[in-house]
Protein backbone atom coordinates (compact mmCIF):
# COMPACT_ATOMS: atom_id res chain seq x y z
CA UNK A 1 -9.52 10.41 -8.61
CA UNK A 2 -7.43 10.14 -11.76
CA UNK A 3 -4.58 7.72 -12.35
CA UNK A 4 -1.99 9.18 -14.73
CA UNK A 5 -4.53 11.45 -16.40
CA UNK A 6 -3.23 12.15 -19.94
CA UNK A 7 -4.96 15.55 -19.89
CA UNK A 8 -3.17 16.59 -16.68
CA UNK A 9 -1.10 19.74 -16.92
CA UNK A 10 2.60 19.47 -17.60
CA UNK A 11 3.44 21.90 -14.79
CA UNK A 12 3.11 20.12 -11.46
CA UNK A 13 4.96 21.77 -8.58
CA UNK A 14 6.29 18.78 -6.62
CA UNK A 15 7.31 19.05 -2.97
CA UNK A 16 10.42 17.47 -1.49
CA UNK A 17 9.99 13.69 -1.47
CA UNK A 18 9.18 11.86 1.76
CA UNK A 19 11.45 8.82 1.97
CA UNK A 20 11.59 5.83 4.30
CA UNK A 21 14.23 3.15 4.59
CA UNK A 22 15.06 1.52 1.29
CA UNK A 23 14.38 4.69 -0.71
CA UNK A 24 10.59 4.24 -0.81
CA UNK A 25 9.82 7.85 -1.66
CA UNK A 26 6.51 9.59 -2.23
CA UNK A 27 5.94 13.20 -3.17
CA UNK A 28 3.00 15.58 -3.24
CA UNK A 29 2.32 18.16 -5.92
CA UNK A 30 -0.06 20.88 -7.02
CA UNK A 31 -0.84 22.21 -10.46
CA UNK A 32 -1.98 25.65 -11.62
CA UNK A 33 -5.62 24.55 -11.48
CA UNK A 34 -5.29 23.59 -7.80
CA UNK A 35 -5.40 19.81 -8.25
CA UNK A 36 -3.36 17.68 -5.88
CA UNK A 37 -1.01 14.87 -6.92
CA UNK A 38 0.71 11.98 -5.16
CA UNK A 39 3.60 10.33 -6.98
CA UNK A 40 6.54 8.03 -6.41
CA UNK A 41 10.14 8.92 -7.17
CA UNK A 42 10.63 5.40 -8.57
CA UNK A 43 8.15 6.06 -11.39
CA UNK A 44 8.15 9.84 -11.95
CA UNK A 45 5.46 9.79 -14.64
CA UNK A 46 2.99 7.82 -12.52
CA UNK A 47 0.72 9.57 -10.05
CA UNK A 48 -2.80 9.83 -8.74
CA UNK A 49 -4.62 13.14 -8.69
CA UNK A 50 -7.71 14.53 -7.05
CA UNK A 51 -8.90 17.74 -5.44
CA UNK A 52 -6.93 19.41 -2.66
CA UNK A 53 -9.91 18.70 -0.39
CA UNK A 54 -9.64 14.98 -1.14
CA UNK A 55 -5.91 15.05 -0.35
CA UNK A 56 -6.63 16.82 2.95
CA UNK A 57 -9.23 14.17 3.81
CA UNK A 58 -6.75 11.39 2.97
CA UNK A 59 -4.02 12.92 5.14
CA UNK A 60 -6.46 13.42 8.02
CA UNK A 61 -7.63 9.82 7.77
CA UNK A 62 -4.06 8.50 7.76
CA UNK A 63 -3.19 10.67 10.76
CA UNK A 64 -6.28 9.34 12.57
CA UNK A 65 -4.98 5.78 12.11
CA UNK A 66 -7.43 4.64 9.45
CA UNK A 67 -4.58 3.14 7.38
CA UNK A 68 -2.70 1.52 10.27
CA UNK A 69 -3.77 -1.92 9.06
CA UNK A 70 -1.48 -1.38 6.06
CA UNK A 71 1.64 -1.06 8.23
């Protein structure tokens, strides 16, 4: 996983942001190389990136309740 990788491509195709109350918005993106990104609309230049497979695993784990302790 990379945090704000300076060698990341400039072209990240961001999806529509997912927002909760208080404008806490996160967005997902993909680049031309197929890497996945998660970013916040509050800090547009900050993001984490990893493989699409890692993003799928993260989403599956969240859906399965493995992050419920953070709520």
